[in-house]
Structures are given as structure tokens and as C-alpha cells.
Amino acid sequence: MNSSISNKQFVGIDLGTSNTGVAFFDETGKPKIIPNIDGEMLTPSVVYVGPGCREILVGTAAKNMEMLEPDRVFKEFKREVGTDKIYALEEGKEITPEFLQTQLLIYIHNSVIKYFGDSTTGNIKVVVTCPAQFKEHQRQSIKKSAKQAGFDILAIINEPTSAGLAYGVNEKQGDRLVMVSDFGGGTYDSSLISYAGGEATVLASNGDKQLGGKDVDDILLDLVQKAFQNEHNLIISAQSHPADWFNIREEVIRQKHMLSSRTEVKLVARIEGKQVVIPVNREMLNMIVKQLMDRIENITLETINKAKVDKKEIKHVLTIGGSSRLISFQESIKKMFGENCILAGSVSPDMAVAEGAVIHAAKLISSKGKTIVDEGLRAIPAPSISHVDCMPHSLGVAVFGAINSGSHKLYCSAILESNTPIPCQATKAYSSVEDAQTEFHVQVLQGEEDQKFEDCLVVGDRRLNFPARPSDKDSIEVVMAYDNSGMVNVSVKDLISGNTEDITIDFYSNN
């Protein structure tokens, strides 16, 4: 039976390294950005943690605290999500990337509730975005934080895929190949998307979660530090001069942005009555960030190779993320794909990911037979575009094999390979290691074919007991499935007894 859901019961969130945005599906069937509690369209992904965690500030309020208590202000923690990183201990409570991520999402949840007001009923459903190269335990971390923040999570979607959906809804220019290049504050992602017949198909994705606009800022800040040391014999840092450092960083970011419209700017920094002036032109900027741009080019070209597409076929590039405005980045993209390749004005570089996330949420809800309605219970048309994403990485199981001059070692046998369209399912059969074996240790891995066990990520682990069998033929079958929400299901079937056992995916974070 068809039922309805209010358009104010689901949102899409771009959980960014530098800024976080949230969008809802308005009464016209288009995504619309929701302002935060402080009236801003984007929330700085910054958290301040006071003594004993008794005061938590998020966004601009937290960012401003960097001038007073820099050691209690945390930013760019998205890069550390899914790791064992502990930033601090507050009366026995660990301040981890996941804790900070949760505080940010609590703030976003409160902003949504305030914006929707009395029309909010029940849990807000959400699609959250992440970098294409986020591993399984990192995606699970986002789901856990979203749940703790009060959201009912529908799915995790890759950031470039999400932006590609926003573009596909806004543009009606027929079939085409589009490279989505997402250069954010802390990460770079590249996805090649084919648009045909109202469907967006992700052919391949690639990325680096340690490459973003922050790295450009750090290079420019290093110039300022060296100038103070050389000209005034003064060593400066965020710890030694917190308020001044905050102002210098803001000036660096402002002048970096100015170079998008000017050919030359001057970095002016003042500390303790001393001043340095550093002229920076576009040629100089290109030179000092060349290694970063080379990394972006290599990632992008690898995406094309994974998709098995000739680069000459790609005429259009959608550049998104706040750092995509950097002139060096724009020139690097044009160098790869041509002077007129960038799709200017198609979507907002800052808002496209959040907008695409809520489009995906609307598609998921409507696909389950629900009609989206506004406050007057009038039906809102579901998005006309559909999409097919691909596996962000390979998944398999640990097996013994004779490799490295005959020595037996554990390695990965991939079952679902990266860039396979999802949802997907695959099966592989295996033999026992020894005759009369009855115990089987099944370890589910995120890793590529033949990759050493120690270089893979263990995401599931279970010991199973089956009847004894010979080792000369396949007798164990592993079935692995990956659905549209990013969930993995694994089952192991004993081909002798016919018994099937499921494996819970635990998303271990200790590898």
C-alpha cells in the first residue's frame, strides 16, 4: 500500500572536512539548503571542547575560540575518522574523531529541527556523503555518529556521485561523459559518470582523503613562518601566538581566494609589532603547489584507466568543493581536458554535494512506494534522475596460497571487485586447507586480489565448524552482497552439508 512522507522528514548532509551543509526537498521538488542555528548556509566543521566536555561549541563559535584556546579547538578531524586517534582526555572521556563528528551532526540535527519547526515529526531520515575512497569502517563510523545525533540513516553516498546527481537534475543536455572533480578542504575525489536516458552511471571512482585545500593553506603559512624567521628572527606557530596565528590563517585563505580573480596579491602578516609582506602571483602559486596538482592529475588519470575510457572522450568536467576555485586547480583540469571543459555555473561548488544527497534520499524513499508530500499534503514529484554507483573498493576473504617462492601465506581473494556497479552480488568457491578439516576461520577483508593479509582491512571475522572433507576439491562457497545503502552481507555455505552461516560485518578499526 502506498503511504506518504513529509518533505520535512528527510534531508541530505554533506559532511565536509572544512564545512558541512544540509539540504531538504522543497515543495517544488528541488533541493534547498537549510541554514544552521546561527543563520549560516554552511557550518564550519570545527568543534570546541571545554574542560570536562561541559561546554561544546560547533561551527563559527568554535572557530572563534581558536584565538583563545587553540588546543581545545578541533578541525579537519574528518581525515582521522576510522582511526585510533585520540586528541585529548577530558576527565576520562576520550576526544576522538568520531566523538567530534557526532557533536557536529548533533548541531546539524538541531539546526534542521529549528528550521522545520512544528512540522517535524519522528526521526529525520538522512543520506550522508563521504569521500569515494572512505573505507568500510569509516562509513560505519558516519552511520554510528548520525544515529547518535538523532538521525535515521538511509544511506551513505560518495561525494562526487552526490554532486553528479545534483548536476544531472539541473542539466538536460542529453547523453554525455562527465568527470566530477571534487577538491574540498581536506580531500580530493574523482568520479567518471555517464549520463544517458535519465540515468547517471558511475563508471569509476578514485581519491585521496589526505589531499585538499588545507594542504595549500599549509604551504602558504609555511612561507609566512619562514619570512618571520628570516626577517625578524621570530619563530611563530599556532601554539606560540594563537590569536595572531588565527588572523594570519584567515588572511592566507582570503588572499588564496583572491588569486582566482587577480593575478597577484600580497600576504601581509603582523605579530608583536613586526610585519612581513609576501607578494604571491599565479605563477608562484602554481610552482609551490605543483606537487599537489600532480597528485590530483595522477588520481584523475587513474580514474579514467579504471573506467577503461579514452581520455579524449571526456569533454566535460564538473568541478566542486570549495578548493575547486583555486586557479592552480582550474588550470590543471584544463591542461588535462581542454580549455573549455569546465561546466561553469551548472551547480554550486559548495552546495552540490548536499543537494545531491537529498535527491538520493528522495529517490530511495519514492522507490519504496512512498509519496513525498508538502505541508498541505500535496504530492511532490520524485527526482527524474536515477543513478548507479560502483564499489569504492574490493572486498574478499583471507585464503592460504603458495606464493613468494612456495611459502604459504595469507592473502586476499577478492569476491566483489572495485568499480563493480552496485547493488551487486558475487560467489566464489574454496577448498579446505587440509584433509579432514572441520574448523574454518573466515575473515572478510577490504583488499585487492592477491594483496597480503597484513595490508588489508579486516571487516568481519567468524570461526565456523563444518563436517570433515577432502582438500582436493571446492567445498565451501562464499556469497557476498553490497547494497545501495553501502551495507555488506556475507554468507558461507557448506557444499557438503548444505548448511549456510551468515557473517556479521564488524568494521574493525585496528588494521
Protein backbone atom coordinates (compact mmCIF):
# COMPACT_ATOMS: atom_id res chain seq x y z
CA MET A 1 0.00 0.00 0.00
CA ASN A 2 1.27 3.45 -0.92
CA SER A 3 1.87 5.80 2.03
CA SER A 4 3.15 9.34 2.25
CA ILE A 5 6.09 11.08 3.91
CA SER A 6 6.54 14.79 4.52
CA ASN A 7 9.33 16.53 2.66
CA LYS A 8 10.39 17.79 6.09
CA GLN A 9 11.15 14.31 7.35
CA PHE A 10 14.31 13.70 5.35
CA VAL A 11 17.48 15.64 4.46
CA GLY A 12 20.84 15.22 2.76
CA ILE A 13 24.10 16.11 4.52
CA ASP A 14 27.48 16.98 3.00
CA LEU A 15 29.75 16.14 5.93
CA GLY A 16 32.76 18.12 4.77
CA THR A 17 36.29 18.47 6.11
CA SER A 18 36.10 22.28 6.19
CA ASN A 19 32.35 22.93 6.04
CA THR A 20 29.15 20.94 6.42
CA GLY A 21 25.93 21.63 4.53
CA VAL A 22 22.43 20.20 4.78
CA ALA A 23 19.58 20.30 2.24
CA PHE A 24 15.91 19.35 2.13
CA PHE A 25 13.47 18.64 -0.72
CA ASP A 26 11.26 21.70 -1.14
CA GLU A 27 7.64 21.85 -2.26
CA THR A 28 8.70 22.35 -5.91
CA GLY A 29 10.73 19.12 -5.93
CA LYS A 30 14.12 20.81 -5.80
CA PRO A 31 16.87 20.67 -3.16
CA LYS A 32 17.17 23.69 -0.89
CA ILE A 33 19.93 24.46 1.62
CA ILE A 34 18.91 24.72 5.28
CA PRO A 35 20.63 27.47 7.32
CA ASN A 36 22.17 26.44 10.62
CA ILE A 37 21.10 27.71 14.04
CA ASP A 38 23.28 30.79 13.54
CA GLY A 39 21.72 31.57 10.15
CA GLU A 40 24.71 30.44 8.07
CA MET A 41 24.26 28.36 4.92
CA LEU A 42 27.42 26.36 5.65
CA THR A 43 28.67 25.25 9.06
CA PRO A 44 32.44 25.21 9.64
CA SER A 45 33.36 21.62 10.58
CA VAL A 46 35.02 22.81 13.77
CA VAL A 47 34.34 21.72 17.36
CA TYR A 48 35.44 23.32 20.64
CA VAL A 49 35.54 21.05 23.70
CA GLY A 50 35.65 22.79 27.05
CA PRO A 51 37.08 21.36 30.30
CA GLY A 52 35.39 18.10 31.22
CA CYS A 53 33.30 18.30 28.00
CA ARG A 54 30.89 20.55 29.91
CA GLU A 55 30.84 23.05 27.04
CA ILE A 56 30.71 22.03 23.38
CA LEU A 57 30.71 24.66 20.65
CA VAL A 58 30.31 23.90 16.96
CA GLY A 59 30.83 25.92 13.79
CA THR A 60 31.78 29.59 13.79
CA ALA A 61 31.55 29.83 17.59
CA ALA A 62 34.10 27.01 17.88
CA LYS A 63 36.29 28.53 15.17
CA ASN A 64 36.46 31.83 17.06
CA MET A 65 37.70 30.03 20.17
CA GLU A 66 40.91 29.20 18.31
CA MET A 67 42.19 32.67 19.20
CA LEU A 68 41.79 31.94 22.93
CA GLU A 69 42.21 28.18 23.39
CA PRO A 70 43.70 26.64 20.24
CA ASP A 71 44.41 23.32 21.98
CA ARG A 72 40.69 22.86 22.61
CA VAL A 73 39.59 23.59 19.05
CA PHE A 74 39.43 20.61 16.67
CA LYS A 75 39.12 20.79 12.89
CA GLU A 76 39.84 18.62 9.87
CA PHE A 77 39.06 15.60 12.06
CA LYS A 78 37.31 14.01 9.08
CA ARG A 79 40.76 12.96 7.87
CA GLU A 80 41.18 10.85 11.03
CA VAL A 81 37.72 9.22 11.13
CA GLY A 82 38.03 5.45 11.45
CA THR A 83 41.46 5.59 13.07
CA ASP A 84 42.54 5.01 16.67
CA LYS A 85 43.41 8.70 17.05
CA ILE A 86 42.76 10.23 20.50
CA TYR A 87 43.16 14.00 20.56
CA ALA A 88 42.71 14.52 24.29
CA LEU A 89 41.29 13.11 27.52
CA GLU A 90 38.69 15.14 29.40
CA GLU A 91 38.08 13.67 32.85
CA GLY A 92 38.48 10.18 31.46
CA LYS A 93 36.46 10.84 28.30
CA GLU A 94 38.32 10.29 25.05
CA ILE A 95 38.07 13.06 22.44
CA THR A 96 38.21 11.09 19.19
CA PRO A 97 37.39 11.93 15.55
CA GLU A 98 34.11 10.03 15.92
CA PHE A 99 33.17 11.99 19.07
CA LEU A 100 33.80 15.28 17.24
CA GLN A 101 31.92 14.07 14.17
CA THR A 102 28.95 13.23 16.41
CA GLN A 103 28.97 16.68 18.02
CA LEU A 104 28.95 18.28 14.58
CA LEU A 105 25.99 16.13 13.49
CA ILE A 106 24.11 16.90 16.72
CA TYR A 107 24.46 20.60 15.87
CA ILE A 108 23.22 19.94 12.31
CA HIS A 109 20.30 17.90 13.68
CA ASN A 110 19.33 20.76 16.00
CA SER A 111 19.56 23.19 13.07
CA VAL A 112 17.20 21.02 11.00
CA ILE A 113 14.70 20.74 13.86
CA LYS A 114 14.75 24.50 14.36
CA TYR A 115 14.26 25.18 10.63
CA PHE A 116 11.38 22.73 10.24
CA GLY A 117 9.73 23.80 13.50
CA ASP A 118 6.39 22.23 14.36
CA SER A 119 6.25 20.38 11.03
CA THR A 120 8.92 17.95 12.28
CA THR A 121 7.53 14.56 13.32
CA GLY A 122 9.53 11.46 14.20
CA ASN A 123 13.15 10.85 13.37
CA ILE A 124 14.64 12.80 10.49
CA LYS A 125 15.83 10.40 7.78
CA VAL A 126 19.15 11.26 6.20
CA VAL A 127 21.59 10.45 3.42
CA VAL A 128 25.13 11.44 4.38
CA THR A 129 28.02 11.81 1.94
CA CYS A 130 31.63 10.72 2.30
CA PRO A 131 34.77 10.63 0.14
CA ALA A 132 34.70 7.93 -2.52
CA GLN A 133 37.77 6.29 -1.00
CA PHE A 134 36.42 6.05 2.55
CA LYS A 135 36.84 2.51 3.83
CA GLU A 136 34.03 0.41 5.23
CA HIS A 137 34.77 1.15 8.90
CA GLN A 138 34.87 4.88 8.12
CA ARG A 139 31.43 4.68 6.52
CA GLN A 140 30.18 2.73 9.52
CA SER A 141 31.57 5.46 11.78
CA ILE A 142 29.45 8.04 9.97
CA LYS A 143 26.35 5.87 10.39
CA LYS A 144 27.05 5.47 14.10
CA SER A 145 27.53 9.23 14.59
CA ALA A 146 24.38 10.06 12.62
CA LYS A 147 22.35 7.67 14.76
CA GLN A 148 23.77 9.12 17.98
CA ALA A 149 22.88 12.59 16.70
CA GLY A 150 19.23 11.56 16.32
CA PHE A 151 19.05 10.83 12.59
CA ASP A 152 17.58 7.74 10.95
CA ILE A 153 20.18 6.98 8.29
CA LEU A 154 19.01 5.88 4.84
CA ALA A 155 22.36 5.53 3.09
CA ILE A 156 25.92 6.72 2.67
CA ILE A 157 26.71 8.08 -0.81
CA ASN A 158 30.04 9.11 -2.32
CA GLU A 159 30.55 12.86 -2.56
CA PRO A 160 31.29 13.08 -6.32
CA THR A 161 28.35 10.77 -7.05
CA SER A 162 26.11 13.04 -5.00
CA ALA A 163 27.29 16.14 -6.87
CA GLY A 164 26.74 14.24 -10.13
CA LEU A 165 23.09 13.71 -9.16
CA ALA A 166 22.63 17.43 -8.49
CA TYR A 167 24.16 18.19 -11.89
CA GLY A 168 22.00 15.58 -13.62
CA VAL A 169 18.80 17.08 -12.22
CA ASN A 170 19.76 20.63 -13.24
CA GLU A 171 21.08 19.83 -16.71
CA LYS A 172 19.04 18.47 -19.64
CA GLN A 173 21.70 18.26 -22.32
CA GLY A 174 21.43 14.64 -23.39
CA ASP A 175 23.93 11.82 -23.16
CA ARG A 176 27.46 12.70 -22.09
CA LEU A 177 30.51 11.65 -20.11
CA VAL A 178 31.34 13.94 -17.18
CA MET A 179 34.38 13.84 -14.93
CA VAL A 180 33.42 15.03 -11.44
CA SER A 181 36.45 16.53 -9.70
CA ASP A 182 35.77 17.25 -6.04
CA PHE A 183 38.54 19.31 -4.44
CA GLY A 184 37.44 20.04 -0.89
CA GLY A 185 39.11 21.38 2.19
CA GLY A 186 40.64 18.07 3.17
CA THR A 187 40.02 15.51 0.43
CA TYR A 188 40.14 15.07 -3.33
CA ASP A 189 37.78 12.72 -5.17
CA SER A 190 37.38 11.93 -8.83
CA SER A 191 34.47 10.07 -10.44
CA LEU A 192 33.67 9.47 -14.09
CA ILE A 193 29.92 9.50 -14.69
CA SER A 194 27.99 8.54 -17.81
CA TYR A 195 24.64 10.30 -18.30
CA ALA A 196 22.21 8.51 -20.60
CA GLY A 197 18.43 8.17 -20.70
CA GLY A 198 17.87 9.93 -17.38
CA GLU A 199 20.34 7.69 -15.55
CA ALA A 200 23.73 8.60 -14.09
CA THR A 201 26.11 5.64 -14.04
CA VAL A 202 29.35 5.91 -12.10
CA LEU A 203 31.99 4.16 -14.21
CA ALA A 204 34.88 4.54 -11.75
CA SER A 205 35.92 6.46 -8.64
CA ASN A 206 39.24 7.28 -7.07
CA GLY A 207 40.56 9.70 -4.48
CA ASP A 208 42.85 10.71 -1.66
CA LYS A 209 41.47 11.60 1.79
CA GLN A 210 44.72 13.38 2.69
CA LEU A 211 44.71 15.91 -0.16
CA GLY A 212 42.75 19.15 -0.01
CA GLY A 213 42.74 22.93 0.23
CA LYS A 214 44.20 22.65 3.73
CA ASP A 215 47.45 21.48 2.16
CA VAL A 216 47.59 24.63 0.02
CA ASP A 217 46.96 26.76 3.12
CA ASP A 218 49.77 24.99 4.97
CA ILE A 219 52.22 25.72 2.15
CA LEU A 220 51.36 29.44 2.24
CA LEU A 221 51.52 29.51 6.04
CA ASP A 222 54.97 27.96 5.82
CA LEU A 223 56.04 30.92 3.64
CA VAL A 224 54.84 33.29 6.35
CA GLN A 225 56.67 31.37 9.09
CA LYS A 226 59.93 31.40 7.14
CA ALA A 227 59.57 35.11 6.38
CA PHE A 228 59.22 35.98 10.09
CA GLN A 229 62.19 33.80 10.95
CA ASN A 230 64.39 35.20 8.18
CA GLU A 231 63.43 38.87 8.53
CA HIS A 232 62.84 39.17 12.28
CA ASN A 233 64.38 36.02 13.80
CA LEU A 234 60.90 35.27 15.18
CA ILE A 235 59.52 31.73 15.34
CA ILE A 236 55.71 31.69 15.16
CA SER A 237 53.10 28.93 15.45
CA ALA A 238 49.51 28.32 16.50
CA GLN A 239 50.74 27.47 19.99
CA SER A 240 53.10 30.41 20.49
CA HIS A 241 50.83 33.09 19.02
CA PRO A 242 47.25 31.65 18.91
CA ALA A 243 45.32 34.87 18.21
CA ASP A 244 47.82 36.17 15.65
CA TRP A 245 48.06 32.76 14.00
CA PHE A 246 44.28 32.63 13.64
CA ASN A 247 44.29 36.01 11.90
CA ILE A 248 47.21 35.02 9.65
CA ARG A 249 45.46 31.81 8.59
CA GLU A 250 42.30 33.74 7.76
CA GLU A 251 44.37 36.22 5.73
CA VAL A 252 46.13 33.38 3.88
CA ILE A 253 42.78 31.81 2.94
CA ARG A 254 41.36 35.20 1.86
CA GLN A 255 44.33 36.02 -0.36
CA LYS A 256 44.34 32.49 -1.82
CA HIS A 257 40.75 33.04 -2.89
CA MET A 258 41.61 36.50 -4.26
CA LEU A 259 44.08 34.91 -6.70
CA SER A 260 41.10 33.43 -8.53
CA SER A 261 40.22 36.91 -9.77
CA ARG A 262 43.59 38.72 -9.51
CA THR A 263 46.97 37.90 -10.98
CA GLU A 264 48.89 38.96 -7.87
CA VAL A 265 48.17 39.51 -4.17
CA LYS A 266 50.21 40.42 -1.08
CA LEU A 267 50.20 38.36 2.09
CA VAL A 268 50.53 40.83 4.95
CA ALA A 269 51.09 39.43 8.45
CA ARG A 270 51.78 41.24 11.73
CA ILE A 271 52.98 39.83 15.05
CA GLU A 272 54.47 41.65 18.07
CA GLY A 273 54.73 44.90 16.12
CA LYS A 274 56.67 43.17 13.33
CA GLN A 275 55.40 42.78 9.80
CA VAL A 276 56.15 40.69 6.73
CA VAL A 277 54.81 41.28 3.22
CA ILE A 278 54.93 38.36 0.77
CA PRO A 279 53.93 39.02 -2.88
CA VAL A 280 52.27 35.96 -4.41
CA ASN A 281 51.30 35.77 -8.08
CA ARG A 282 49.65 32.98 -10.00
CA GLU A 283 52.91 31.72 -11.46
CA MET A 284 54.43 31.47 -7.99
CA LEU A 285 51.33 29.73 -6.61
CA ASN A 286 51.42 27.22 -9.48
CA MET A 287 55.04 26.47 -8.69
CA ILE A 288 54.66 25.95 -4.93
CA VAL A 289 51.55 23.73 -5.24
CA LYS A 290 52.80 21.76 -8.26
CA GLN A 291 53.27 18.55 -6.29
CA LEU A 292 49.69 18.75 -5.05
CA MET A 293 48.36 19.33 -8.56
CA ASP A 294 50.47 16.43 -9.86
CA ARG A 295 48.81 14.18 -7.28
CA ILE A 296 45.39 15.39 -8.43
CA GLU A 297 46.29 14.71 -12.07
CA ASN A 298 47.52 11.19 -11.25
CA ILE A 299 44.35 10.36 -9.30
CA THR A 300 42.15 11.67 -12.12
CA LEU A 301 44.01 9.74 -14.81
CA GLU A 302 43.84 6.59 -12.70
CA THR A 303 40.06 7.04 -12.54
CA ILE A 304 39.93 7.12 -16.34
CA ASN A 305 42.08 4.00 -16.56
CA LYS A 306 39.81 2.17 -14.11
CA ALA A 307 36.81 3.11 -16.23
CA LYS A 308 38.56 1.82 -19.38
CA VAL A 309 37.65 5.02 -21.24
CA ASP A 310 39.75 7.03 -23.69
CA LYS A 311 40.54 10.43 -22.16
CA LYS A 312 39.71 12.07 -25.49
CA GLU A 313 36.07 11.06 -25.00
CA ILE A 314 35.77 13.24 -21.88
CA LYS A 315 34.81 16.79 -22.84
CA HIS A 316 33.12 17.97 -19.64
CA VAL A 317 34.39 18.36 -16.07
CA LEU A 318 32.22 19.27 -13.10
CA THR A 319 34.44 20.96 -10.50
CA ILE A 320 33.04 21.04 -6.98
CA GLY A 321 34.31 21.66 -3.44
CA GLY A 322 35.43 24.99 -2.01
CA SER A 323 39.03 24.46 -3.14
CA SER A 324 37.95 23.93 -6.76
CA ARG A 325 38.03 27.71 -7.16
CA LEU A 326 41.82 27.66 -6.77
CA ILE A 327 43.28 28.95 -10.03
CA SER A 328 46.04 26.31 -9.99
CA PHE A 329 43.42 23.58 -9.78
CA GLN A 330 41.37 25.08 -12.61
CA GLU A 331 44.46 25.29 -14.83
CA SER A 332 45.41 21.70 -14.00
CA ILE A 333 41.96 20.47 -15.06
CA LYS A 334 42.08 22.47 -18.29
CA LYS A 335 45.52 21.06 -19.04
CA MET A 336 44.07 17.54 -18.85
CA PHE A 337 40.75 18.03 -20.63
CA GLY A 338 40.88 21.23 -22.67
CA GLU A 339 40.39 24.96 -22.21
CA ASN A 340 36.57 24.84 -22.31
CA CYS A 341 35.99 21.64 -20.35
CA ILE A 342 34.77 23.08 -17.03
CA LEU A 343 30.99 23.16 -16.62
CA ALA A 344 30.77 26.63 -15.10
CA GLY A 345 27.56 27.59 -13.32
CA SER A 346 25.88 24.18 -13.56
CA VAL A 347 25.76 23.67 -9.79
CA SER A 348 27.19 25.43 -6.76
CA PRO A 349 30.64 24.08 -5.85
CA ASP A 350 29.76 24.46 -2.17
CA MET A 351 26.17 23.16 -2.20
CA ALA A 352 26.07 20.48 -4.91
CA VAL A 353 27.04 17.57 -2.65
CA ALA A 354 24.35 18.29 -0.04
CA GLU A 355 21.78 18.87 -2.79
CA GLY A 356 22.65 15.57 -4.44
CA ALA A 357 22.36 13.79 -1.09
CA VAL A 358 18.77 14.87 -0.57
CA ILE A 359 17.95 13.97 -4.20
CA HIS A 360 19.24 10.48 -3.44
CA ALA A 361 17.15 10.38 -0.26
CA ALA A 362 14.03 11.33 -2.23
CA LYS A 363 14.79 8.61 -4.79
CA LEU A 364 15.24 5.97 -2.08
CA ILE A 365 12.00 6.96 -0.36
CA SER A 366 9.94 7.05 -3.56
CA SER A 367 11.40 3.71 -4.70
CA LYS A 368 9.85 2.14 -1.60
CA GLY A 369 6.39 3.22 -2.66
CA LYS A 370 6.10 6.36 -0.55
CA THR A 371 4.69 9.58 -1.92
CA ILE A 372 6.52 12.75 -0.86
CA VAL A 373 4.10 15.49 0.23
CA ASP A 374 4.34 19.08 1.43
CA GLU A 375 2.63 20.62 4.48
CA GLY A 376 -0.66 20.82 2.54
CA LEU A 377 -0.36 17.08 1.74
CA ARG A 378 0.14 17.91 -1.92
CA ALA A 379 2.30 15.38 -3.75
CA ILE A 380 5.82 16.45 -4.71
CA PRO A 381 7.25 14.76 -7.79
CA ALA A 382 10.22 12.48 -7.16
CA PRO A 383 13.51 13.36 -8.92
CA SER A 384 13.52 12.30 -12.56
CA ILE A 385 17.11 11.08 -12.48
CA SER A 386 18.28 7.70 -11.24
CA HIS A 387 21.83 6.54 -10.68
CA VAL A 388 24.04 3.50 -10.49
CA ASP A 389 27.08 3.80 -8.23
CA CYS A 390 30.06 1.46 -8.10
CA MET A 391 32.04 -0.40 -5.45
CA PRO A 392 34.52 2.05 -3.88
CA HIS A 393 37.00 -0.77 -3.18
CA SER A 394 37.29 -4.56 -3.38
CA LEU A 395 36.01 -6.97 -0.74
CA GLY A 396 37.00 -10.59 -0.33
CA VAL A 397 38.16 -13.21 2.14
CA ALA A 398 41.52 -14.31 3.52
CA VAL A 399 42.87 -17.50 1.95
CA PHE A 400 46.08 -19.52 2.15
CA GLY A 401 48.11 -19.77 -1.01
CA ALA A 402 51.52 -20.80 -2.24
CA ILE A 403 53.15 -17.51 -3.13
CA ASN A 404 56.58 -15.96 -2.65
CA SER A 405 58.71 -18.97 -3.72
CA GLY A 406 56.29 -21.55 -2.39
CA SER A 407 55.85 -20.28 1.17
CA HIS A 408 52.26 -20.45 2.38
CA LYS A 409 50.88 -17.08 3.42
CA LEU A 410 47.51 -15.45 3.87
CA TYR A 411 46.35 -13.14 1.13
CA CYS A 412 43.11 -11.65 -0.17
CA SER A 413 40.85 -13.43 -2.61
CA ALA A 414 38.63 -10.64 -3.97
CA ILE A 415 34.95 -11.54 -4.46
CA LEU A 416 33.43 -8.11 -5.13
CA GLU A 417 35.88 -6.02 -7.12
CA SER A 418 36.23 -2.24 -7.01
CA ASN A 419 34.19 -0.26 -9.55
CA THR A 420 31.60 -3.07 -9.89
CA PRO A 421 28.15 -1.45 -10.31
CA ILE A 422 26.04 -1.66 -7.14
CA PRO A 423 23.89 -3.23 -5.87
CA CYS A 424 25.93 -6.33 -6.63
CA GLN A 425 26.44 -9.91 -5.51
CA ALA A 426 29.11 -12.49 -6.30
CA THR A 427 30.02 -16.01 -5.25
CA LYS A 428 33.34 -17.85 -5.01
CA ALA A 429 34.06 -21.45 -4.02
CA TYR A 430 37.05 -22.59 -1.96
CA SER A 431 38.62 -25.83 -0.78
CA SER A 432 39.79 -26.67 2.73
CA VAL A 433 43.47 -26.18 3.55
CA GLU A 434 43.86 -29.68 4.96
CA ASP A 435 42.17 -33.08 4.60
CA ALA A 436 39.59 -33.86 7.29
CA GLN A 437 39.44 -30.17 8.26
CA THR A 438 36.39 -29.27 10.39
CA GLU A 439 37.10 -25.73 11.58
CA PHE A 440 37.15 -22.80 9.16
CA HIS A 441 38.33 -19.29 10.05
CA VAL A 442 36.53 -16.88 7.69
CA GLN A 443 37.94 -13.36 7.66
CA VAL A 444 36.21 -10.79 5.42
CA LEU A 445 38.73 -8.31 4.01
CA GLN A 446 38.75 -4.97 2.30
CA GLY A 447 41.61 -5.55 -0.10
CA GLU A 448 42.56 -6.24 -3.68
CA GLU A 449 43.18 -9.62 -5.34
CA ASP A 450 46.41 -11.24 -4.08
CA GLN A 451 47.06 -8.39 -1.62
CA LYS A 452 48.93 -9.50 1.50
CA PHE A 453 46.70 -10.07 4.50
CA GLU A 454 48.62 -7.60 6.66
CA ASP A 455 47.97 -4.85 4.08
CA CYS A 456 44.21 -5.43 4.09
CA LEU A 457 41.49 -4.23 6.46
CA VAL A 458 39.60 -6.94 8.37
CA VAL A 459 35.89 -6.04 8.41
CA GLY A 460 34.39 -9.34 9.53
CA ASP A 461 35.61 -12.41 11.37
CA ARG A 462 33.99 -15.73 12.29
CA ARG A 463 35.05 -19.30 13.06
CA LEU A 464 32.73 -21.96 11.62
CA ASN A 465 32.51 -25.72 12.16
CA PHE A 466 31.53 -28.00 9.29
CA PRO A 467 31.86 -31.76 8.70
CA ALA A 468 35.30 -33.10 7.65
CA ARG A 469 36.10 -33.08 3.93
CA PRO A 470 38.97 -33.71 1.49
CA SER A 471 41.12 -30.75 0.38
CA ASP A 472 41.28 -31.67 -3.30
CA LYS A 473 38.01 -30.04 -4.36
CA ASP A 474 35.96 -26.94 -3.60
CA SER A 475 33.52 -27.50 -0.74
CA ILE A 476 32.94 -24.03 0.74
CA GLU A 477 31.02 -21.28 -1.05
CA VAL A 478 31.15 -17.61 -0.01
CA VAL A 479 28.37 -15.29 -1.17
CA MET A 480 28.97 -11.55 -0.79
CA ALA A 481 26.46 -8.77 -1.50
CA TYR A 482 26.75 -4.96 -1.38
CA ASP A 483 23.53 -2.90 -1.42
CA ASN A 484 22.65 0.68 -2.34
CA SER A 485 22.93 1.85 1.27
CA GLY A 486 26.52 0.62 1.48
CA MET A 487 25.79 -2.41 3.65
CA VAL A 488 27.68 -5.68 3.17
CA ASN A 489 26.11 -9.11 3.60
CA VAL A 490 28.24 -12.23 3.66
CA SER A 491 27.14 -15.86 3.92
CA VAL A 492 29.16 -19.07 3.87
CA LYS A 493 27.61 -22.27 2.51
CA ASP A 494 28.96 -25.75 3.17
CA LEU A 495 28.50 -27.56 -0.14
CA ILE A 496 28.68 -30.94 1.63
CA SER A 497 26.05 -30.49 4.36
CA GLY A 498 24.12 -27.68 2.70
CA ASN A 499 24.29 -25.55 5.88
CA THR A 500 24.63 -21.77 5.49
CA GLU A 501 26.07 -19.34 8.04
CA ASP A 502 25.93 -15.54 7.95
CA ILE A 503 28.88 -13.35 8.95
CA THR A 504 28.32 -10.09 10.77
CA ILE A 505 30.45 -7.27 9.41
CA ASP A 506 32.06 -5.59 12.41
CA PHE A 507 34.12 -2.94 10.61
CA TYR A 508 37.20 -3.32 12.78
CA SER A 509 39.30 -0.18 13.04
CA ASN A 510 42.50 -1.74 14.33
CA ASN A 511 44.15 -2.55 10.97
